[in-house]
Amino acid sequence: MKCNSGSIDRALRVIVGLILIALAATNTIGVWGWIGVVPLLTGAIGFCPAYTLLGINTCGIKK
């Protein structure tokens, strides 16, 4: 898996993921908030499968 998410993209994913998980844990938005696990994981590892399918790369590293 190549990195395809840049640092700002990764930070935003982690923040959004944590917010969604916190809202789900406090039962503010219900069970759908647990979908925040997806952006949290993709932000943590720096790889987004959807970006690969769409041909997007925000990583900035040229190989």
PDB file of N, CA and C in Angstrom:
ATOM      1  N   MET A   1       0.842  -1.181   0.000  1.00  0.00           N
ATOM      2  CA  MET A   1       0.000   0.000   0.000  1.00  0.00           C
ATOM      3  C   MET A   1       0.884   1.238   0.000  1.00  0.00           C
ATOM      4  N   LYS A   2       0.718   2.033  -1.011  1.00  0.00           N
ATOM      5  CA  LYS A   2       1.444   3.293  -1.093  1.00  0.00           C
ATOM      6  C   LYS A   2       0.662   4.377  -0.368  1.00  0.00           C
ATOM      7  N   CYS A   3       1.383   5.338   0.156  1.00  0.00           N
ATOM      8  CA  CYS A   3       0.737   6.483   0.790  1.00  0.00           C
ATOM      9  C   CYS A   3       0.012   7.286  -0.288  1.00  0.00           C
ATOM     10  N   ASN A   4      -1.263   7.569  -0.079  1.00  0.00           N
ATOM     11  CA  ASN A   4      -1.996   8.413  -1.023  1.00  0.00           C
ATOM     12  C   ASN A   4      -2.783   9.506  -0.313  1.00  0.00           C
ATOM     13  N   SER A   5      -2.475   9.727   0.972  1.00  0.00           N
ATOM     14  CA  SER A   5      -3.119  10.793   1.739  1.00  0.00           C
ATOM     15  C   SER A   5      -2.050  11.704   2.321  1.00  0.00           C
ATOM     16  N   GLY A   6      -2.193  12.994   2.099  1.00  0.00           N
ATOM     17  CA  GLY A   6      -1.240  13.970   2.614  1.00  0.00           C
ATOM     18  C   GLY A   6      -1.442  14.233   4.097  1.00  0.00           C
ATOM     19  N   SER A   7      -0.555  15.034   4.669  1.00  0.00           N
ATOM     20  CA  SER A   7      -0.578  15.263   6.118  1.00  0.00           C
ATOM     21  C   SER A   7      -1.830  16.015   6.572  1.00  0.00           C
ATOM     22  N   ILE A   8      -2.261  17.008   5.817  1.00  0.00           N
ATOM     23  CA  ILE A   8      -3.476  17.743   6.187  1.00  0.00           C
ATOM     24  C   ILE A   8      -4.693  16.835   6.040  1.00  0.00           C
ATOM     25  N   ASP A   9      -4.738  16.081   4.968  1.00  0.00           N
ATOM     26  CA  ASP A   9      -5.825  15.133   4.728  1.00  0.00           C
ATOM     27  C   ASP A   9      -5.893  14.108   5.851  1.00  0.00           C
ATOM     28  N   ARG A  10      -4.759  13.569   6.242  1.00  0.00           N
ATOM     29  CA  ARG A  10      -4.709  12.573   7.312  1.00  0.00           C
ATOM     30  C   ARG A  10      -5.167  13.165   8.640  1.00  0.00           C
ATOM     31  N   ALA A  11      -4.715  14.378   8.952  1.00  0.00           N
ATOM     32  CA  ALA A  11      -5.096  15.019  10.215  1.00  0.00           C
ATOM     33  C   ALA A  11      -6.604  15.260  10.266  1.00  0.00           C
ATOM     34  N   LEU A  12      -7.168  15.735   9.166  1.00  0.00           N
ATOM     35  CA  LEU A  12      -8.611  15.981   9.124  1.00  0.00           C
ATOM     36  C   LEU A  12      -9.400  14.686   9.273  1.00  0.00           C
ATOM     37  N   ARG A  13      -8.919  13.615   8.660  1.00  0.00           N
ATOM     38  CA  ARG A  13      -9.593  12.321   8.777  1.00  0.00           C
ATOM     39  C   ARG A  13      -9.595  11.836  10.220  1.00  0.00           C
ATOM     40  N   VAL A  14      -8.452  11.965  10.890  1.00  0.00           N
ATOM     41  CA  VAL A  14      -8.351  11.517  12.286  1.00  0.00           C
ATOM     42  C   VAL A  14      -9.275  12.348  13.174  1.00  0.00           C
ATOM     43  N   ILE A  15      -9.289  13.651  12.973  1.00  0.00           N
ATOM     44  CA  ILE A  15     -10.146  14.530  13.780  1.00  0.00           C
ATOM     45  C   ILE A  15     -11.626  14.204  13.567  1.00  0.00           C
ATOM     46  N   VAL A  16     -12.041  14.082  12.319  1.00  0.00           N
ATOM     47  CA  VAL A  16     -13.442  13.766  12.010  1.00  0.00           C
ATOM     48  C   VAL A  16     -13.805  12.393  12.567  1.00  0.00           C
ATOM     49  N   GLY A  17     -12.905  11.426  12.420  1.00  0.00           N
ATOM     50  CA  GLY A  17     -13.166  10.092  12.950  1.00  0.00           C
ATOM     51  C   GLY A  17     -13.350  10.095  14.454  1.00  0.00           C
ATOM     52  N   LEU A  18     -12.475  10.812  15.156  1.00  0.00           N
ATOM     53  CA  LEU A  18     -12.582  10.876  16.610  1.00  0.00           C
ATOM     54  C   LEU A  18     -13.864  11.576  17.056  1.00  0.00           C
ATOM     55  N   ILE A  19     -14.238  12.629  16.347  1.00  0.00           N
ATOM     56  CA  ILE A  19     -15.484  13.340  16.682  1.00  0.00           C
ATOM     57  C   ILE A  19     -16.691  12.430  16.485  1.00  0.00           C
ATOM     58  N   LEU A  20     -16.743  11.730  15.363  1.00  0.00           N
ATOM     59  CA  LEU A  20     -17.871  10.836  15.107  1.00  0.00           C
ATOM     60  C   LEU A  20     -17.949   9.715  16.141  1.00  0.00           C
ATOM     61  N   ILE A  21     -16.805   9.140  16.495  1.00  0.00           N
ATOM     62  CA  ILE A  21     -16.792   8.071  17.491  1.00  0.00           C
ATOM     63  C   ILE A  21     -17.229   8.599  18.855  1.00  0.00           C
ATOM     64  N   ALA A  22     -16.772   9.790  19.213  1.00  0.00           N
ATOM     65  CA  ALA A  22     -17.172  10.382  20.495  1.00  0.00           C
ATOM     66  C   ALA A  22     -18.672  10.654  20.533  1.00  0.00           C
ATOM     67  N   LEU A  23     -19.217  11.158  19.434  1.00  0.00           N
ATOM     68  CA  LEU A  23     -20.652  11.416  19.372  1.00  0.00           C
ATOM     69  C   LEU A  23     -21.459  10.122  19.433  1.00  0.00           C
ATOM     70  N   ALA A  24     -20.940   9.067  18.823  1.00  0.00           N
ATOM     71  CA  ALA A  24     -21.631   7.775  18.877  1.00  0.00           C
ATOM     72  C   ALA A  24     -21.535   7.173  20.274  1.00  0.00           C
ATOM     73  N   ALA A  25     -20.384   7.332  20.923  1.00  0.00           N
ATOM     74  CA  ALA A  25     -20.199   6.775  22.263  1.00  0.00           C
ATOM     75  C   ALA A  25     -21.098   7.459  23.291  1.00  0.00           C
ATOM     76  N   THR A  26     -21.386   8.739  23.075  1.00  0.00           N
ATOM     77  CA  THR A  26     -22.264   9.463  23.996  1.00  0.00           C
ATOM     78  C   THR A  26     -23.732   9.379  23.566  1.00  0.00           C
ATOM     79  N   ASN A  27     -23.976   8.598  22.512  1.00  0.00           N
ATOM     80  CA  ASN A  27     -25.323   8.383  21.981  1.00  0.00           C
ATOM     81  C   ASN A  27     -25.978   9.676  21.504  1.00  0.00           C
ATOM     82  N   THR A  28     -25.160  10.602  21.026  1.00  0.00           N
ATOM     83  CA  THR A  28     -25.675  11.857  20.492  1.00  0.00           C
ATOM     84  C   THR A  28     -26.223  11.682  19.080  1.00  0.00           C
ATOM     85  N   ILE A  29     -25.507  10.924  18.261  1.00  0.00           N
ATOM     86  CA  ILE A  29     -25.945  10.740  16.875  1.00  0.00           C
ATOM     87  C   ILE A  29     -26.329   9.306  16.559  1.00  0.00           C
ATOM     88  N   GLY A  30     -26.270   8.453  17.527  1.00  0.00           N
ATOM     89  CA  GLY A  30     -26.686   7.074  17.320  1.00  0.00           C
ATOM     90  C   GLY A  30     -25.574   6.188  16.798  1.00  0.00           C
ATOM     91  N   VAL A  31     -25.968   5.015  16.361  1.00  0.00           N
ATOM     92  CA  VAL A  31     -25.018   3.986  15.958  1.00  0.00           C
ATOM     93  C   VAL A  31     -24.261   4.346  14.670  1.00  0.00           C
ATOM     94  N   TRP A  32     -24.823   5.201  13.831  1.00  0.00           N
ATOM     95  CA  TRP A  32     -24.169   5.578  12.583  1.00  0.00           C
ATOM     96  C   TRP A  32     -22.862   6.327  12.819  1.00  0.00           C
ATOM     97  N   GLY A  33     -22.670   6.875  13.977  1.00  0.00           N
ATOM     98  CA  GLY A  33     -21.437   7.581  14.281  1.00  0.00           C
ATOM     99  C   GLY A  33     -20.216   6.675  14.325  1.00  0.00           C
ATOM    100  N   TRP A  34     -20.448   5.371  14.504  1.00  0.00           N
ATOM    101  CA  TRP A  34     -19.320   4.433  14.535  1.00  0.00           C
ATOM    102  C   TRP A  34     -18.658   4.296  13.176  1.00  0.00           C
ATOM    103  N   ILE A  35     -19.260   4.868  12.144  1.00  0.00           N
ATOM    104  CA  ILE A  35     -18.613   4.898  10.830  1.00  0.00           C
ATOM    105  C   ILE A  35     -17.334   5.732  10.894  1.00  0.00           C
ATOM    106  N   GLY A  36     -17.172   6.497  11.969  1.00  0.00           N
ATOM    107  CA  GLY A  36     -15.960   7.286  12.181  1.00  0.00           C
ATOM    108  C   GLY A  36     -14.713   6.445  12.309  1.00  0.00           C
ATOM    109  N   VAL A  37     -14.872   5.144  12.509  1.00  0.00           N
ATOM    110  CA  VAL A  37     -13.721   4.241  12.554  1.00  0.00           C
ATOM    111  C   VAL A  37     -13.007   4.236  11.196  1.00  0.00           C
ATOM    112  N   VAL A  38     -13.763   4.355  10.118  1.00  0.00           N
ATOM    113  CA  VAL A  38     -13.181   4.313   8.771  1.00  0.00           C
ATOM    114  C   VAL A  38     -12.230   5.488   8.529  1.00  0.00           C
ATOM    115  N   PRO A  39     -12.664   6.745   8.706  1.00  0.00           N
ATOM    116  CA  PRO A  39     -11.699   7.829   8.487  1.00  0.00           C
ATOM    117  C   PRO A  39     -10.563   7.814   9.509  1.00  0.00           C
ATOM    118  N   LEU A  40     -10.832   7.344  10.710  1.00  0.00           N
ATOM    119  CA  LEU A  40      -9.774   7.257  11.711  1.00  0.00           C
ATOM    120  C   LEU A  40      -8.680   6.291  11.259  1.00  0.00           C
ATOM    121  N   LEU A  41      -9.061   5.130  10.778  1.00  0.00           N
ATOM    122  CA  LEU A  41      -8.074   4.152  10.321  1.00  0.00           C
ATOM    123  C   LEU A  41      -7.354   4.596   9.046  1.00  0.00           C
ATOM    124  N   THR A  42      -8.102   5.140   8.085  1.00  0.00           N
ATOM    125  CA  THR A  42      -7.452   5.579   6.853  1.00  0.00           C
ATOM    126  C   THR A  42      -6.519   6.756   7.111  1.00  0.00           C
ATOM    127  N   GLY A  43      -6.860   7.596   8.061  1.00  0.00           N
ATOM    128  CA  GLY A  43      -5.970   8.690   8.430  1.00  0.00           C
ATOM    129  C   GLY A  43      -4.736   8.196   9.162  1.00  0.00           C
ATOM    130  N   ALA A  44      -4.901   7.174   9.982  1.00  0.00           N
ATOM    131  CA  ALA A  44      -3.778   6.645  10.749  1.00  0.00           C
ATOM    132  C   ALA A  44      -2.766   5.921   9.865  1.00  0.00           C
ATOM    133  N   ILE A  45      -3.241   5.196   8.853  1.00  0.00           N
ATOM    134  CA  ILE A  45      -2.304   4.448   8.010  1.00  0.00           C
ATOM    135  C   ILE A  45      -1.873   5.217   6.764  1.00  0.00           C
ATOM    136  N   GLY A  46      -2.587   6.283   6.416  1.00  0.00           N
ATOM    137  CA  GLY A  46      -2.196   7.108   5.275  1.00  0.00           C
ATOM    138  C   GLY A  46      -2.586   6.546   3.928  1.00  0.00           C
ATOM    139  N   PHE A  47      -3.505   5.601   3.905  1.00  0.00           N
ATOM    140  CA  PHE A  47      -3.944   4.988   2.656  1.00  0.00           C
ATOM    141  C   PHE A  47      -5.460   4.958   2.611  1.00  0.00           C
ATOM    142  N   CYS A  48      -6.023   5.426   1.515  1.00  0.00           N
ATOM    143  CA  CYS A  48      -7.466   5.429   1.327  1.00  0.00           C
ATOM    144  C   CYS A  48      -7.802   4.616   0.077  1.00  0.00           C
ATOM    145  N   PRO A  49      -8.503   3.481   0.213  1.00  0.00           N
ATOM    146  CA  PRO A  49      -8.858   2.674  -0.953  1.00  0.00           C
ATOM    147  C   PRO A  49      -9.711   3.432  -1.975  1.00  0.00           C
ATOM    148  N   ALA A  50     -10.571   4.322  -1.513  1.00  0.00           N
ATOM    149  CA  ALA A  50     -11.405   5.099  -2.438  1.00  0.00           C
ATOM    150  C   ALA A  50     -10.544   6.019  -3.298  1.00  0.00           C
ATOM    151  N   TYR A  51      -9.485   6.583  -2.718  1.00  0.00           N
ATOM    152  CA  TYR A  51      -8.580   7.435  -3.487  1.00  0.00           C
ATOM    153  C   TYR A  51      -7.919   6.638  -4.606  1.00  0.00           C
ATOM    154  N   THR A  52      -7.591   5.386  -4.343  1.00  0.00           N
ATOM    155  CA  THR A  52      -6.983   4.542  -5.363  1.00  0.00           C
ATOM    156  C   THR A  52      -7.946   4.324  -6.517  1.00  0.00           C
ATOM    157  N   LEU A  53      -9.200   4.035  -6.203  1.00  0.00           N
ATOM    158  CA  LEU A  53     -10.200   3.818  -7.245  1.00  0.00           C
ATOM    159  C   LEU A  53     -10.452   5.072  -8.072  1.00  0.00           C
ATOM    160  N   LEU A  54     -10.394   6.230  -7.420  1.00  0.00           N
ATOM    161  CA  LEU A  54     -10.667   7.496  -8.105  1.00  0.00           C
ATOM    162  C   LEU A  54      -9.418   8.147  -8.707  1.00  0.00           C
ATOM    163  N   GLY A  55      -8.246   7.586  -8.427  1.00  0.00           N
ATOM    164  CA  GLY A  55      -7.004   8.135  -8.964  1.00  0.00           C
ATOM    165  C   GLY A  55      -6.551   9.405  -8.278  1.00  0.00           C
ATOM    166  N   ILE A  56      -6.923   9.584  -7.029  1.00  0.00           N
ATOM    167  CA  ILE A  56      -6.562  10.784  -6.264  1.00  0.00           C
ATOM    168  C   ILE A  56      -5.346  10.490  -5.416  1.00  0.00           C
ATOM    169  N   ASN A  57      -4.443  11.456  -5.312  1.00  0.00           N
ATOM    170  CA  ASN A  57      -3.275  11.325  -4.457  1.00  0.00           C
ATOM    171  C   ASN A  57      -2.972  12.690  -3.851  1.00  0.00           C
ATOM    172  N   THR A  58      -3.112  12.818  -2.541  1.00  0.00           N
ATOM    173  CA  THR A  58      -2.804  14.072  -1.854  1.00  0.00           C
ATOM    174  C   THR A  58      -1.521  13.979  -1.055  1.00  0.00           C
ATOM    175  N   CYS A  59      -0.789  12.890  -1.245  1.00  0.00           N
ATOM    176  CA  CYS A  59       0.411  12.630  -0.439  1.00  0.00           C
ATOM    177  C   CYS A  59       1.523  13.619  -0.743  1.00  0.00           C
ATOM    178  N   GLY A  60       1.714  13.940  -1.980  1.00  0.00           N
ATOM    179  CA  GLY A  60       2.759  14.898  -2.329  1.00  0.00           C
ATOM    180  C   GLY A  60       4.106  14.267  -2.586  1.00  0.00           C
ATOM    181  N   ILE A  61       4.278  12.999  -2.282  1.00  0.00           N
ATOM    182  CA  ILE A  61       5.552  12.314  -2.534  1.00  0.00           C
ATOM    183  C   ILE A  61       5.540  11.803  -3.967  1.00  0.00           C
ATOM    184  N   LYS A  62       6.495  12.238  -4.731  1.00  0.00           N
ATOM    185  CA  LYS A  62       6.608  11.805  -6.127  1.00  0.00           C
ATOM    186  C   LYS A  62       7.603  10.660  -6.197  1.00  0.00           C
ATOM    187  N   LYS A  63       7.203   9.584  -6.858  1.00  0.00           N
ATOM    188  CA  LYS A  63       8.098   8.427  -6.991  1.00  0.00           C
ATOM    189  C   LYS A  63       8.371   8.168  -8.451  1.00  0.00           C
TER     190      LYS A  63
END
